[in-house]
Amino acid sequence: MVDEVKVSAASQVDGLGGYQQMRRLVLAVLVAVLFAALLFGQSTFPPDTWVHESIEMFGVLLIFLGVVGRLWATLYIGGRKSSEVVTGGPYSVTRNPLYVFSTVAAAGVGAQIGSFTGIILFALLCAG
């Protein structure tokens, strides 16, 4: 009976290990795709136009808001997350502000391509 439990536990760990390896592979592929999109992505608008520059500056603003928002959420929760349910500050607006602000920052990185498609694509990939 004890041997059966050990075998069952070992097979569950192996199954989880395979799942984790697949997650890591998918994550690595997504990172490579995002890097390629940033490196080779084409802007919707010609470079050096006011629209292109505005989208890039909007991206810088989104990145800044994402970083500041994550910092606010992290500092607000402090050491209380294990002892109580935090419902104030950024946690009064959304259940997980760290994910929300990460998605905002990812949209800002996508805006650095200079296209609206980059904003939407990066935000969706981060949120998904």
C-alpha atoms as a PDB file:
ATOM      1  CA  MET A   1       0.000   0.000   0.000  1.00  0.00           C
ATOM      2  CA  VAL A   2       2.810   2.423   0.896  1.00  0.00           C
ATOM      3  CA  ASP A   3       4.622   1.587  -2.356  1.00  0.00           C
ATOM      4  CA  GLU A   4       1.445   2.362  -4.335  1.00  0.00           C
ATOM      5  CA  VAL A   5       1.178   5.778  -2.677  1.00  0.00           C
ATOM      6  CA  LYS A   6       4.835   6.511  -3.480  1.00  0.00           C
ATOM      7  CA  VAL A   7       4.315   5.491  -7.127  1.00  0.00           C
ATOM      8  CA  SER A   8       1.145   7.611  -7.336  1.00  0.00           C
ATOM      9  CA  ALA A   9       2.912  10.641  -5.841  1.00  0.00           C
ATOM     10  CA  ALA A  10       5.879  10.157  -8.181  1.00  0.00           C
ATOM     11  CA  SER A  11       3.618   9.989 -11.246  1.00  0.00           C
ATOM     12  CA  GLN A  12       1.854  13.194 -10.164  1.00  0.00           C
ATOM     13  CA  VAL A  13       5.208  14.959  -9.824  1.00  0.00           C
ATOM     14  CA  ASP A  14       6.278  13.684 -13.251  1.00  0.00           C
ATOM     15  CA  GLY A  15       3.014  14.923 -14.752  1.00  0.00           C
ATOM     16  CA  LEU A  16       3.484  18.309 -13.142  1.00  0.00           C
ATOM     17  CA  GLY A  17       7.081  18.413 -14.356  1.00  0.00           C
ATOM     18  CA  GLY A  18       5.921  17.830 -17.923  1.00  0.00           C
ATOM     19  CA  TYR A  19       3.321  20.544 -17.561  1.00  0.00           C
ATOM     20  CA  GLN A  20       5.923  22.983 -16.204  1.00  0.00           C
ATOM     21  CA  GLN A  21       8.297  22.170 -19.047  1.00  0.00           C
ATOM     22  CA  MET A  22       5.529  22.857 -21.576  1.00  0.00           C
ATOM     23  CA  ARG A  23       4.725  26.156 -19.841  1.00  0.00           C
ATOM     24  CA  ARG A  24       8.374  27.177 -19.980  1.00  0.00           C
ATOM     25  CA  LEU A  25       8.571  26.296 -23.667  1.00  0.00           C
ATOM     26  CA  VAL A  26       5.441  28.309 -24.477  1.00  0.00           C
ATOM     27  CA  LEU A  27       6.765  31.236 -22.446  1.00  0.00           C
ATOM     28  CA  ALA A  28      10.116  31.099 -24.244  1.00  0.00           C
ATOM     29  CA  VAL A  29       8.377  31.099 -27.631  1.00  0.00           C
ATOM     30  CA  LEU A  30       6.204  34.067 -26.612  1.00  0.00           C
ATOM     31  CA  VAL A  31       9.237  36.009 -25.433  1.00  0.00           C
ATOM     32  CA  ALA A  32      11.007  35.280 -28.731  1.00  0.00           C
ATOM     33  CA  VAL A  33       7.953  36.410 -30.721  1.00  0.00           C
ATOM     34  CA  LEU A  34       7.628  39.596 -28.692  1.00  0.00           C
ATOM     35  CA  PHE A  35      11.331  40.321 -29.089  1.00  0.00           C
ATOM     36  CA  ALA A  36      11.090  39.768 -32.851  1.00  0.00           C
ATOM     37  CA  ALA A  37       8.021  42.019 -32.999  1.00  0.00           C
ATOM     38  CA  LEU A  38       9.928  44.786 -31.257  1.00  0.00           C
ATOM     39  CA  LEU A  39      13.006  44.273 -33.378  1.00  0.00           C
ATOM     40  CA  PHE A  40      11.384  43.854 -36.791  1.00  0.00           C
ATOM     41  CA  GLY A  41       7.892  45.262 -36.236  1.00  0.00           C
ATOM     42  CA  GLN A  42       6.613  47.771 -38.704  1.00  0.00           C
ATOM     43  CA  SER A  43       4.915  50.940 -37.617  1.00  0.00           C
ATOM     44  CA  THR A  44       1.399  51.656 -38.808  1.00  0.00           C
ATOM     45  CA  PHE A  45       2.521  55.192 -39.544  1.00  0.00           C
ATOM     46  CA  PRO A  46       5.737  56.387 -41.208  1.00  0.00           C
ATOM     47  CA  PRO A  47       8.573  57.188 -38.807  1.00  0.00           C
ATOM     48  CA  ASP A  48       9.213  60.822 -37.943  1.00  0.00           C
ATOM     49  CA  THR A  49       5.547  61.746 -38.218  1.00  0.00           C
ATOM     50  CA  TRP A  50       3.679  63.317 -35.329  1.00  0.00           C
ATOM     51  CA  VAL A  51       1.315  60.326 -35.072  1.00  0.00           C
ATOM     52  CA  HIS A  52       4.182  57.823 -34.825  1.00  0.00           C
ATOM     53  CA  GLU A  53       5.980  59.939 -32.253  1.00  0.00           C
ATOM     54  CA  SER A  54       2.762  60.430 -30.264  1.00  0.00           C
ATOM     55  CA  ILE A  55       2.177  56.688 -30.085  1.00  0.00           C
ATOM     56  CA  GLU A  56       5.748  56.138 -28.886  1.00  0.00           C
ATOM     57  CA  MET A  57       5.389  58.847 -26.227  1.00  0.00           C
ATOM     58  CA  PHE A  58       2.068  57.301 -25.165  1.00  0.00           C
ATOM     59  CA  GLY A  59       4.010  54.034 -24.802  1.00  0.00           C
ATOM     60  CA  VAL A  60       6.551  55.701 -22.527  1.00  0.00           C
ATOM     61  CA  LEU A  61       3.672  57.029 -20.421  1.00  0.00           C
ATOM     62  CA  LEU A  62       2.099  53.547 -20.204  1.00  0.00           C
ATOM     63  CA  ILE A  63       5.411  51.994 -19.156  1.00  0.00           C
ATOM     64  CA  PHE A  64       5.854  54.660 -16.491  1.00  0.00           C
ATOM     65  CA  LEU A  65       2.281  54.133 -15.202  1.00  0.00           C
ATOM     66  CA  GLY A  66       2.810  50.378 -15.136  1.00  0.00           C
ATOM     67  CA  VAL A  67       6.016  50.627 -13.123  1.00  0.00           C
ATOM     68  CA  VAL A  68       4.610  53.205 -10.691  1.00  0.00           C
ATOM     69  CA  GLY A  69       1.376  51.221 -10.316  1.00  0.00           C
ATOM     70  CA  ARG A  70       3.220  47.990  -9.557  1.00  0.00           C
ATOM     71  CA  LEU A  71       5.369  49.831  -7.027  1.00  0.00           C
ATOM     72  CA  TRP A  72       2.261  51.336  -5.392  1.00  0.00           C
ATOM     73  CA  ALA A  73       0.518  47.946  -5.183  1.00  0.00           C
ATOM     74  CA  THR A  74       3.610  46.210  -3.806  1.00  0.00           C
ATOM     75  CA  LEU A  75       4.279  48.866  -1.185  1.00  0.00           C
ATOM     76  CA  TYR A  76       0.598  49.110  -0.227  1.00  0.00           C
ATOM     77  CA  ILE A  77       0.216  45.412   0.518  1.00  0.00           C
ATOM     78  CA  GLY A  78       3.535  45.320   2.399  1.00  0.00           C
ATOM     79  CA  GLY A  79       3.724  42.423   4.838  1.00  0.00           C
ATOM     80  CA  ARG A  80      -0.051  42.225   5.297  1.00  0.00           C
ATOM     81  CA  LYS A  81      -0.859  39.789   2.499  1.00  0.00           C
ATOM     82  CA  SER A  82      -0.407  36.726   4.704  1.00  0.00           C
ATOM     83  CA  SER A  83      -2.358  38.076   7.675  1.00  0.00           C
ATOM     84  CA  GLU A  84      -5.383  39.830   6.154  1.00  0.00           C
ATOM     85  CA  VAL A  85      -7.354  40.388   2.978  1.00  0.00           C
ATOM     86  CA  VAL A  86      -6.276  43.764   1.644  1.00  0.00           C
ATOM     87  CA  THR A  87      -9.183  45.730   0.159  1.00  0.00           C
ATOM     88  CA  GLY A  88      -7.878  49.296   0.188  1.00  0.00           C
ATOM     89  CA  GLY A  89      -5.692  51.330  -2.134  1.00  0.00           C
ATOM     90  CA  PRO A  90      -5.136  49.740  -5.531  1.00  0.00           C
ATOM     91  CA  TYR A  91      -6.780  46.560  -4.248  1.00  0.00           C
ATOM     92  CA  SER A  92     -10.084  48.447  -3.900  1.00  0.00           C
ATOM     93  CA  VAL A  93     -10.138  48.975  -7.668  1.00  0.00           C
ATOM     94  CA  THR A  94      -9.056  45.532  -8.863  1.00  0.00           C
ATOM     95  CA  ARG A  95      -8.416  42.198  -7.207  1.00  0.00           C
ATOM     96  CA  ASN A  96      -4.889  41.910  -8.590  1.00  0.00           C
ATOM     97  CA  PRO A  97      -3.419  45.298  -9.467  1.00  0.00           C
ATOM     98  CA  LEU A  98       0.010  43.790 -10.137  1.00  0.00           C
ATOM     99  CA  TYR A  99      -1.390  41.992 -13.202  1.00  0.00           C
ATOM    100  CA  VAL A 100      -3.302  45.077 -14.321  1.00  0.00           C
ATOM    101  CA  PHE A 101      -0.259  47.337 -14.115  1.00  0.00           C
ATOM    102  CA  SER A 102       1.920  44.708 -15.808  1.00  0.00           C
ATOM    103  CA  THR A 103      -0.560  44.639 -18.691  1.00  0.00           C
ATOM    104  CA  VAL A 104      -0.472  48.441 -18.889  1.00  0.00           C
ATOM    105  CA  ALA A 105       3.337  48.389 -19.047  1.00  0.00           C
ATOM    106  CA  ALA A 106       3.290  45.624 -21.675  1.00  0.00           C
ATOM    107  CA  ALA A 107       0.945  47.754 -23.795  1.00  0.00           C
ATOM    108  CA  GLY A 108       3.478  50.566 -23.447  1.00  0.00           C
ATOM    109  CA  VAL A 109       6.246  48.310 -24.698  1.00  0.00           C
ATOM    110  CA  GLY A 110       4.032  47.389 -27.649  1.00  0.00           C
ATOM    111  CA  ALA A 111       3.499  51.081 -28.375  1.00  0.00           C
ATOM    112  CA  GLN A 112       7.236  51.481 -28.845  1.00  0.00           C
ATOM    113  CA  ILE A 113       6.753  49.895 -32.274  1.00  0.00           C
ATOM    114  CA  GLY A 114       4.672  52.937 -33.128  1.00  0.00           C
ATOM    115  CA  SER A 115       1.466  51.091 -33.974  1.00  0.00           C
ATOM    116  CA  PHE A 116      -1.888  50.499 -32.365  1.00  0.00           C
ATOM    117  CA  THR A 117      -1.585  46.829 -33.252  1.00  0.00           C
ATOM    118  CA  GLY A 118       1.527  46.548 -31.080  1.00  0.00           C
ATOM    119  CA  ILE A 119      -0.318  48.055 -28.129  1.00  0.00           C
ATOM    120  CA  ILE A 120      -3.198  45.602 -28.409  1.00  0.00           C
ATOM    121  CA  LEU A 121      -1.006  42.569 -29.175  1.00  0.00           C
ATOM    122  CA  PHE A 122       1.356  43.088 -26.246  1.00  0.00           C
ATOM    123  CA  ALA A 123      -1.482  43.840 -23.815  1.00  0.00           C
ATOM    124  CA  LEU A 124      -3.402  40.724 -24.876  1.00  0.00           C
ATOM    125  CA  LEU A 125      -0.340  38.491 -24.647  1.00  0.00           C
ATOM    126  CA  CYS A 126       0.414  39.783 -21.165  1.00  0.00           C
ATOM    127  CA  ALA A 127      -3.174  39.523 -19.950  1.00  0.00           C
ATOM    128  CA  GLY A 128      -3.659  36.054 -21.422  1.00  0.00           C
END
